[in-house]
């Protein structure tokens, strides 16, 4: 009888131990999988969906709603690279849950700190389920918490990733005196499933490009002119010039740290395309992105539309772009080595050249902004 009791006791202990091991393994796998996803060289995550719920004096409601937020209008975007996070211009690094809590509390007076609460594991799992996740966490430390690389203004969200989705779950909330709506989380999708383009030889792009479906106007001729690394177009009384950038000339680190590139990458992704170091592209003063998809086609992305251009000729008519205009751009560049000529405007009098600090629209937020003008020589 005693042997039987010992056998039963041993069996129960082994069963409990096995369940405990299984629980820990699952927990470890969630965190490890997130780390595997975000430790890749570079991933860009664009907004997919947001959720919210009501909060009353009693607490946070279990009923979760989908926020009415348009994918095109939400500016949220993340870039992850080798474990670090970047949201447009702000960089973040990983921290512990305990340190994150200290950072979030330090900006409140002690009297207000008593009103701070954190979502439970069940509440986090409810949010994950509402965002379409097919997994659950076992403890809050399964999530990745962040702190800014500079300063101490912490985020309210913690992160977990699986496959092509990144989840940002709101963790902290405070007591309220009246019913209010609070954010519960957002999901983001990476751009791996977007159309990518092969690297092109810049010299093969020279010529005349036409958008056959464009209704021409003084602001949009429906024609682009590519010559020796620059994109020219006519608007009103001006010729506008922008640099065509070969992103393979930039390091991955510099691109990941560039907020202008991040915004352009988001624009491309929302249109179904992926910017990468294989990309040859340009921009303009109106905020359009020009992406060369192959040596005979480019697309213009912007204003909620995608416009296709086809290369109709390997040469450029002197009527479309007089050589004299190109020579003026070149002379002004030579006379202003730290800047670049971006526009030439001709009205009643002599032509006036607009000079900018840069015409690299993919990587420079100041590109195209006129800093001075001079009469064309």
Protein backbone atom coordinates (compact mmCIF):
# COMPACT_ATOMS: atom_id res chain seq x y z
CA UNK A 1 0.00 0.00 0.00
CA UNK A 2 2.82 2.35 0.93
CA UNK A 3 4.60 1.56 -2.38
CA UNK A 4 1.41 2.30 -4.29
CA UNK A 5 1.05 5.65 -2.51
CA UNK A 6 4.67 6.55 -3.30
CA UNK A 7 4.12 5.60 -6.94
CA UNK A 8 1.00 7.79 -7.18
CA UNK A 9 2.82 10.70 -5.49
CA UNK A 10 5.79 10.35 -7.85
CA UNK A 11 3.46 10.29 -10.87
CA UNK A 12 1.69 13.46 -9.72
CA UNK A 13 4.99 15.27 -9.18
CA UNK A 14 6.24 14.24 -12.61
CA UNK A 15 2.98 15.40 -14.20
CA UNK A 16 3.17 18.79 -12.48
CA UNK A 17 6.83 19.14 -13.44
CA UNK A 18 6.04 18.31 -17.05
CA UNK A 19 3.25 20.89 -17.17
CA UNK A 20 5.57 23.48 -15.64
CA UNK A 21 8.30 22.76 -18.20
CA UNK A 22 5.81 22.96 -21.05
CA UNK A 23 4.55 26.31 -19.73
CA UNK A 24 8.08 27.73 -19.52
CA UNK A 25 9.02 26.48 -22.96
CA UNK A 26 5.98 28.12 -24.54
CA UNK A 27 6.80 31.37 -22.75
CA UNK A 28 10.40 31.24 -23.91
CA UNK A 29 9.36 30.53 -27.49
CA UNK A 30 7.19 33.66 -27.67
CA UNK A 31 10.01 35.94 -26.57
CA UNK A 32 12.61 34.09 -28.64
CA UNK A 33 10.45 34.29 -31.76
CA UNK A 34 9.99 38.03 -31.34
CA UNK A 35 13.73 38.48 -30.95
CA UNK A 36 14.35 36.39 -34.07
CA UNK A 37 11.98 38.58 -36.11
CA UNK A 38 13.32 41.94 -34.92
CA UNK A 39 16.98 40.92 -35.03
CA UNK A 40 17.01 40.73 -38.84
CA UNK A 41 19.05 43.36 -40.70
CA UNK A 42 16.07 45.57 -41.45
CA UNK A 43 12.29 45.33 -41.47
CA UNK A 44 9.78 48.10 -42.08
CA UNK A 45 6.38 47.76 -40.43
CA UNK A 46 3.39 49.78 -41.62
CA UNK A 47 0.12 50.30 -39.78
CA UNK A 48 -2.52 47.62 -40.24
CA UNK A 49 -5.21 47.90 -37.54
CA UNK A 50 -5.97 49.61 -34.22
CA UNK A 51 -8.26 48.63 -31.35
CA UNK A 52 -9.76 50.41 -28.35
CA UNK A 53 -12.15 49.87 -25.46
CA UNK A 54 -14.09 51.80 -22.88
CA UNK A 55 -12.74 52.58 -19.43
CA UNK A 56 -14.95 53.54 -16.49
CA UNK A 57 -14.37 54.26 -12.80
CA UNK A 58 -14.55 50.51 -12.25
CA UNK A 59 -11.87 49.61 -14.78
CA UNK A 60 -11.21 48.64 -18.40
CA UNK A 61 -14.01 46.99 -20.37
CA UNK A 62 -13.48 43.53 -21.82
CA UNK A 63 -15.31 44.59 -24.98
CA UNK A 64 -12.76 45.60 -27.61
CA UNK A 65 -13.62 47.59 -30.72
CA UNK A 66 -11.75 48.17 -33.96
CA UNK A 67 -10.70 51.81 -34.26
CA UNK A 68 -11.92 53.76 -37.28
CA UNK A 69 -8.46 54.59 -38.59
CA UNK A 70 -7.58 54.55 -42.29
CA UNK A 71 -4.40 52.74 -43.26
CA UNK A 72 -3.62 55.61 -45.60
CA UNK A 73 -4.05 58.24 -42.88
CA UNK A 74 -2.30 56.56 -39.95
CA UNK A 75 1.29 57.78 -39.79
CA UNK A 76 2.51 55.05 -37.45
CA UNK A 77 5.38 53.05 -38.84
CA UNK A 78 8.24 51.13 -37.28
CA UNK A 79 11.63 50.00 -38.51
CA UNK A 80 13.38 47.20 -36.66
CA UNK A 81 17.04 46.38 -37.19
CA UNK A 82 19.21 44.04 -35.14
CA UNK A 83 16.97 44.35 -32.10
CA UNK A 84 16.54 48.13 -32.12
CA UNK A 85 13.37 50.03 -33.02
CA UNK A 86 12.86 53.30 -34.86
CA UNK A 87 9.66 55.29 -35.32
CA UNK A 88 10.32 57.86 -38.06
CA UNK A 89 12.95 60.04 -36.36
CA UNK A 90 13.04 58.55 -32.84
CA UNK A 91 15.20 55.56 -31.95
CA UNK A 92 14.45 53.08 -29.15
CA UNK A 93 16.32 50.23 -27.52
CA UNK A 94 15.09 47.30 -25.47
CA UNK A 95 14.79 47.49 -21.71
CA UNK A 96 13.39 45.37 -18.90
CA UNK A 97 9.80 45.53 -17.71
CA UNK A 98 10.96 46.85 -14.31
CA UNK A 99 13.03 49.64 -15.82
CA UNK A 100 10.19 50.51 -18.21
CA UNK A 101 7.81 50.86 -15.25
CA UNK A 102 10.25 53.19 -13.49
CA UNK A 103 10.50 55.36 -16.60
CA UNK A 104 6.72 55.55 -17.06
CA UNK A 105 6.15 56.49 -13.41
CA UNK A 106 8.86 59.10 -12.98
CA UNK A 107 6.93 61.76 -14.87
CA UNK A 108 4.03 61.61 -12.39
CA UNK A 109 3.80 63.01 -8.87
CA UNK A 110 3.58 60.40 -6.12
CA UNK A 111 -0.09 61.20 -5.55
CA UNK A 112 -0.83 60.35 -9.19
CA UNK A 113 1.34 57.24 -9.23
CA UNK A 114 -1.31 55.50 -7.13
CA UNK A 115 -3.69 55.89 -10.08
CA UNK A 116 -1.39 54.06 -12.53
CA UNK A 117 -2.31 50.51 -13.49
CA UNK A 118 -0.99 47.91 -15.93
CA UNK A 119 -2.89 45.56 -18.17
CA UNK A 120 -3.05 41.96 -16.96
CA UNK A 121 -1.85 38.99 -19.00
CA UNK A 122 -5.48 38.17 -19.82
CA UNK A 123 -6.13 41.72 -21.00
CA UNK A 124 -3.04 41.61 -23.23
CA UNK A 125 -4.17 38.31 -24.70
CA UNK A 126 -7.64 39.76 -25.34
CA UNK A 127 -6.00 42.61 -27.27
CA UNK A 128 -3.79 40.22 -29.23
CA UNK A 129 -6.82 38.10 -30.14
CA UNK A 130 -8.73 41.18 -31.29
CA UNK A 131 -5.78 42.06 -33.56
CA UNK A 132 -5.85 38.60 -35.12
CA UNK A 133 -2.95 36.98 -33.27
CA UNK A 134 -3.06 33.18 -33.01
CA UNK A 135 -0.94 32.97 -29.88
CA UNK A 136 -1.00 34.12 -26.26
CA UNK A 137 1.61 35.34 -23.82
CA UNK A 138 2.14 33.73 -20.42
CA UNK A 139 3.54 36.74 -18.60
CA UNK A 140 4.12 40.42 -19.32
CA UNK A 141 7.85 39.87 -19.67
CA UNK A 142 7.13 37.86 -22.82
CA UNK A 143 6.68 41.30 -24.41
CA UNK A 144 9.50 43.58 -25.56
CA UNK A 145 9.62 46.90 -23.70
CA UNK A 146 11.46 49.93 -25.06
CA UNK A 147 13.13 53.09 -23.89
CA UNK A 148 14.33 55.99 -26.07
CA UNK A 149 17.96 56.09 -27.12
CA UNK A 150 17.97 59.76 -26.06
CA UNK A 151 15.96 61.19 -23.18
CA UNK A 152 13.52 59.37 -20.93
CA UNK A 153 10.11 59.84 -22.58
CA UNK A 154 8.88 56.25 -22.60
CA UNK A 155 6.28 54.52 -24.78
CA UNK A 156 3.01 53.23 -23.44
CA UNK A 157 3.22 50.14 -25.67
CA UNK A 158 5.07 46.84 -25.45
CA UNK A 159 5.75 44.67 -28.49
CA UNK A 160 5.55 41.10 -29.69
CA UNK A 161 6.05 39.78 -33.22
CA UNK A 162 5.30 36.69 -35.20
CA UNK A 163 5.83 36.09 -38.90
CA UNK A 164 4.94 39.20 -40.87
CA UNK A 165 3.08 40.95 -38.03
CA UNK A 166 4.23 43.22 -35.23
CA UNK A 167 1.85 43.93 -32.34
CA UNK A 168 2.08 47.05 -30.15
CA UNK A 169 -0.06 46.53 -27.03
CA UNK A 170 -0.96 49.41 -24.71
CA UNK A 171 0.06 48.41 -21.20
CA UNK A 172 -0.38 51.37 -18.86
CA UNK A 173 -3.64 53.13 -17.99
CA UNK A 174 -4.80 55.47 -15.22
CA UNK A 175 -7.93 55.83 -13.09
CA UNK A 176 -10.63 58.00 -14.64
CA UNK A 177 -13.59 59.90 -13.20
CA UNK A 178 -15.82 59.41 -16.21
CA UNK A 179 -16.18 56.92 -19.03
CA UNK A 180 -13.59 57.35 -21.75
CA UNK A 181 -12.15 55.46 -24.72
CA UNK A 182 -8.59 54.19 -24.45
CA UNK A 183 -6.28 52.63 -27.01
CA UNK A 184 -5.60 48.93 -26.52
CA UNK A 185 -3.14 48.23 -29.30
CA UNK A 186 -2.13 48.27 -32.95
CA UNK A 187 -0.89 45.75 -35.45
CA UNK A 188 1.67 46.39 -38.17
CA UNK A 189 2.65 44.34 -41.21
CA UNK A 190 6.10 44.19 -42.73
CA UNK A 191 6.81 45.04 -46.35
CA UNK A 192 8.24 41.66 -47.35
CA UNK A 193 5.12 40.82 -49.33
CA UNK A 194 5.25 44.08 -51.29
CA UNK A 195 6.47 44.19 -54.88
CA UNK A 196 10.22 44.57 -55.03
CA UNK A 197 12.30 45.72 -57.98
CA UNK A 198 15.64 44.61 -59.34
CA UNK A 199 18.59 46.94 -59.37
CA UNK A 200 18.86 48.91 -62.61
CA UNK A 201 21.73 50.59 -64.42
CA UNK A 202 21.16 54.33 -64.10
CA UNK A 203 22.66 54.93 -67.55
CA UNK A 204 19.92 52.85 -69.16
CA UNK A 205 17.16 55.14 -67.92
CA UNK A 206 17.91 58.21 -70.05
CA UNK A 207 15.03 59.22 -72.27
CA UNK A 208 11.42 60.39 -72.42
CA UNK A 209 8.82 58.87 -70.10
CA UNK A 210 5.08 59.40 -70.64
CA UNK A 211 2.02 58.62 -68.51
CA UNK A 212 -0.59 57.76 -71.17
CA UNK A 213 -3.57 57.98 -68.80
CA UNK A 214 -2.68 61.38 -67.32
CA UNK A 215 -4.85 64.38 -68.05
CA UNK A 216 -2.24 67.02 -68.77
CA UNK A 217 -2.29 70.39 -67.05
CA UNK A 218 0.06 73.28 -66.34
CA UNK A 219 1.07 71.48 -63.14
CA UNK A 220 1.37 68.01 -64.64
CA UNK A 221 2.47 67.52 -68.23
CA UNK A 222 2.31 63.73 -67.98
CA UNK A 223 5.90 63.63 -69.21
CA UNK A 224 9.17 63.03 -67.37
CA UNK A 225 12.62 63.55 -68.84
CA UNK A 226 15.58 61.55 -67.55
CA UNK A 227 19.10 62.65 -68.37
CA UNK A 228 22.41 61.66 -66.75
CA UNK A 229 21.10 60.92 -63.27
CA UNK A 230 18.50 63.68 -63.06
CA UNK A 231 14.74 63.75 -63.52
CA UNK A 232 13.35 66.87 -65.23
CA UNK A 233 9.76 67.96 -65.58
CA UNK A 234 7.95 71.12 -66.60
CA UNK A 235 5.52 72.87 -64.26
CA UNK A 236 3.88 76.17 -65.15
CA UNK A 237 6.73 78.50 -66.19
CA UNK A 238 9.48 76.35 -64.65
CA UNK A 239 11.69 73.39 -65.21
CA UNK A 240 12.11 71.34 -62.02
CA UNK A 241 15.04 69.01 -61.48
CA UNK A 242 15.56 66.26 -58.93
CA UNK A 243 18.30 63.71 -58.39
CA UNK A 244 17.69 60.07 -59.27
CA UNK A 245 19.12 58.16 -56.32
CA UNK A 246 20.70 54.72 -56.44
CA UNK A 247 20.05 53.45 -52.92
CA UNK A 248 22.74 50.78 -53.24
CA UNK A 249 25.21 53.65 -52.74
CA UNK A 250 23.92 54.11 -49.18
CA UNK A 251 24.67 51.83 -46.25
CA UNK A 252 21.78 49.96 -44.67
CA UNK A 253 22.56 51.61 -41.33
CA UNK A 254 22.34 55.12 -42.78
CA UNK A 255 19.02 54.33 -44.50
CA UNK A 256 17.54 52.84 -41.33
CA UNK A 257 18.47 56.01 -39.45
CA UNK A 258 17.03 58.35 -42.09
CA UNK A 259 13.52 59.63 -41.27
CA UNK A 260 12.92 60.98 -44.80
CA UNK A 261 13.69 57.57 -46.29
CA UNK A 262 11.37 55.98 -43.71
CA UNK A 263 8.49 58.19 -44.84
CA UNK A 264 9.18 57.42 -48.51
CA UNK A 265 9.29 53.73 -47.65
CA UNK A 266 5.90 53.99 -46.01
CA UNK A 267 4.46 55.73 -49.09
CA UNK A 268 5.79 52.97 -51.34
CA UNK A 269 4.49 50.21 -49.06
CA UNK A 270 0.99 51.70 -48.93
CA UNK A 271 0.99 51.60 -52.73
CA UNK A 272 2.11 47.95 -52.70
CA UNK A 273 5.83 48.42 -53.39
CA UNK A 274 8.96 47.94 -51.36
CA UNK A 275 11.88 50.36 -51.22
CA UNK A 276 15.22 48.69 -50.62
CA UNK A 277 18.89 49.13 -51.41
CA UNK A 278 18.13 47.72 -54.89
CA UNK A 279 15.88 50.67 -55.63
CA UNK A 280 16.48 53.44 -58.16
CA UNK A 281 14.07 56.29 -57.40
CA UNK A 282 13.49 60.01 -57.21
CA UNK A 283 11.06 62.55 -55.77
CA UNK A 284 9.86 66.08 -56.32
CA UNK A 285 8.72 69.26 -54.59
CA UNK A 286 5.09 68.12 -54.47
CA UNK A 287 5.92 65.03 -52.43
CA UNK A 288 5.65 62.47 -55.21
CA UNK A 289 7.84 59.39 -55.21
CA UNK A 290 9.13 58.10 -58.57
CA UNK A 291 10.09 54.43 -58.55
CA UNK A 292 11.77 52.79 -61.55
CA UNK A 293 10.31 49.27 -61.72
CA UNK A 294 12.27 48.29 -64.82
CA UNK A 295 14.17 50.01 -67.62
CA UNK A 296 10.95 50.69 -69.52
CA UNK A 297 8.52 51.54 -66.71
CA UNK A 298 8.35 53.77 -63.65
CA UNK A 299 5.54 54.56 -61.25
CA UNK A 300 4.66 57.80 -59.50
CA UNK A 301 3.26 57.39 -55.99
CA UNK A 302 1.46 60.16 -54.15
CA UNK A 303 -1.83 61.89 -53.40
CA UNK A 304 -3.39 58.47 -52.88
CA UNK A 305 -2.72 57.40 -56.46
CA UNK A 306 -0.25 55.35 -58.47
CA UNK A 307 0.49 56.62 -61.98
CA UNK A 308 2.42 54.50 -64.48
CA UNK A 309 4.92 56.00 -66.91
CA UNK A 310 6.35 54.21 -69.93
CA UNK A 311 9.61 54.98 -71.66
CA UNK A 312 8.68 56.06 -75.17
CA UNK A 313 12.09 57.13 -76.44
CA UNK A 314 15.73 56.76 -75.47
CA UNK A 315 16.32 60.38 -76.42
CA UNK A 316 14.83 63.72 -75.35
CA UNK A 317 13.46 66.28 -77.78
CA UNK A 318 15.11 69.70 -77.59
CA UNK A 319 11.58 71.11 -77.46
CA UNK A 320 10.86 69.19 -74.26
CA UNK A 321 14.21 69.99 -72.64
CA UNK A 322 16.45 72.53 -74.39
CA UNK A 323 20.15 71.88 -73.91
CA UNK A 324 20.50 75.50 -72.81
CA UNK A 325 18.38 74.75 -69.72
CA UNK A 326 20.57 71.76 -68.82
CA UNK A 327 23.67 73.93 -69.22
CA UNK A 328 22.24 76.53 -66.82
CA UNK A 329 21.63 73.84 -64.17
CA UNK A 330 25.20 72.61 -64.63
CA UNK A 331 26.78 76.07 -64.40
CA UNK A 332 24.86 76.97 -61.24
CA UNK A 333 25.85 73.64 -59.65
CA UNK A 334 29.51 74.40 -60.42
CA UNK A 335 29.23 77.88 -58.91
CA UNK A 336 27.46 76.54 -55.81
CA UNK A 337 29.26 73.28 -54.95
CA UNK A 338 27.53 72.83 -51.58
CA UNK A 339 24.06 73.32 -53.06
CA UNK A 340 22.12 72.31 -56.16
CA UNK A 341 20.06 74.14 -58.77
CA UNK A 342 16.50 72.83 -58.46
CA UNK A 343 14.35 75.07 -60.68
CA UNK A 344 14.62 77.44 -63.62
CA UNK A 345 11.72 79.85 -64.02
CA UNK A 346 11.21 81.96 -67.14
CA UNK A 347 8.58 84.67 -67.32
CA UNK A 348 8.77 88.15 -68.86
CA UNK A 349 12.36 88.90 -67.93
CA UNK A 350 15.51 86.76 -67.74
CA UNK A 351 15.34 83.24 -66.32
CA UNK A 352 15.72 82.86 -62.55
CA UNK A 353 17.39 79.81 -60.99
CA UNK A 354 16.11 78.49 -57.67
CA UNK A 355 18.91 76.99 -55.55
CA UNK A 356 18.33 74.37 -52.86
CA UNK A 357 20.60 72.75 -50.31
CA UNK A 358 19.74 69.37 -51.86
CA UNK A 359 17.63 67.70 -54.53
CA UNK A 360 17.93 64.22 -52.97
CA UNK A 361 14.25 63.81 -52.17
CA UNK A 362 14.55 60.23 -50.90
CA UNK A 363 16.95 61.02 -48.08
CA UNK A 364 16.91 64.76 -47.38
CA UNK A 365 13.98 66.52 -45.71
CA UNK A 366 15.22 69.89 -47.03
CA UNK A 367 15.35 68.75 -50.65
CA UNK A 368 13.81 71.21 -53.08
CA UNK A 369 13.37 74.05 -50.60
CA UNK A 370 14.61 77.23 -52.30
CA UNK A 371 17.25 78.92 -50.16
CA UNK A 372 18.29 81.54 -52.70
CA UNK A 373 17.75 82.65 -56.27
CA UNK A 374 19.95 84.07 -58.96
CA UNK A 375 19.52 85.26 -62.52
CA UNK A 376 20.60 82.64 -65.04
CA UNK A 377 23.90 83.35 -66.72
